[in-house]
Amino acid sequence: MESLIFQYLSSILSLVGLVMIALISPGPDFAIVVRNSLIYSRKTGLFTALGIALGILVHVSYTLLGLGLVIAKNPWTLIGVKYLGAGYLIYIGYKGLRASRKTTLALGNIHHRHDISGSTALWSGFLTNALNPKCMLFFISLFSVVLSPKTPLLIMFTYGVIIFVGTLAWFSFIAFCLSGKHAREKFNAVSHWIERTTGGILIIFGVKLCF
């Protein structure tokens, strides 16, 4: 096993580099983690990060199974995913734009705004990522670079694990940093403006998905 991984080390390193560049680039995933971590709680931010990682895992799984190219060649499938994803981002963004100062609670009394459940946070992260057709096309392009017909199943599994763990670690780090007491005390007074701003950003990403 070690010799096999060493044999594909250059491909693994290339994959890690490309995935990290994609992860640190601001996008809908980043916006939803920032929103949920600052507006709600650390738990909510971490569940959102897990949802995003699970969404990534879905993209990775069907791409490695060879279904990605089939989906990409079906324009109706791409159009459907595109508009579902755009609609979801616009819906979440619209809710953010409607945020009012009255809905924000004092940090001294309650440590977070009326929180959402872990499952709701997980689904928000999952749907934000899974319904993003750009993620689908990214992984099709990525695996066309690092995969060959002779790539062993173990190496493909390793690729999937690396991407899942890397995604979870990065967005968990973002959630952890933004949900600390100091950060939340600093932003609590303007949390409604943060929600409106991130809401506007999500709407912009949603509109961009349509074109």
Foldseek 3Di string as FASTA:
>chain_A
DVVLCVVLVVLLVVLLVVLVVVLPPDDLLLLLLLLQLQQFALLLSLLLLLLLLVLLLVLLVCVVVVCLVVQVVDVVSLLVLLLQLLVLLLVQLVVLQPFDQVQFDDCVVPVHGPHDDSVVSSNSNNSNRNSQVVSNVVSNVSCVVSDDPPRDPVVSVVSSVSSSVVSSVVSSVVSVVCRDPVNNNVCRNVSSVSSNVSSVVSNVSSVVSND
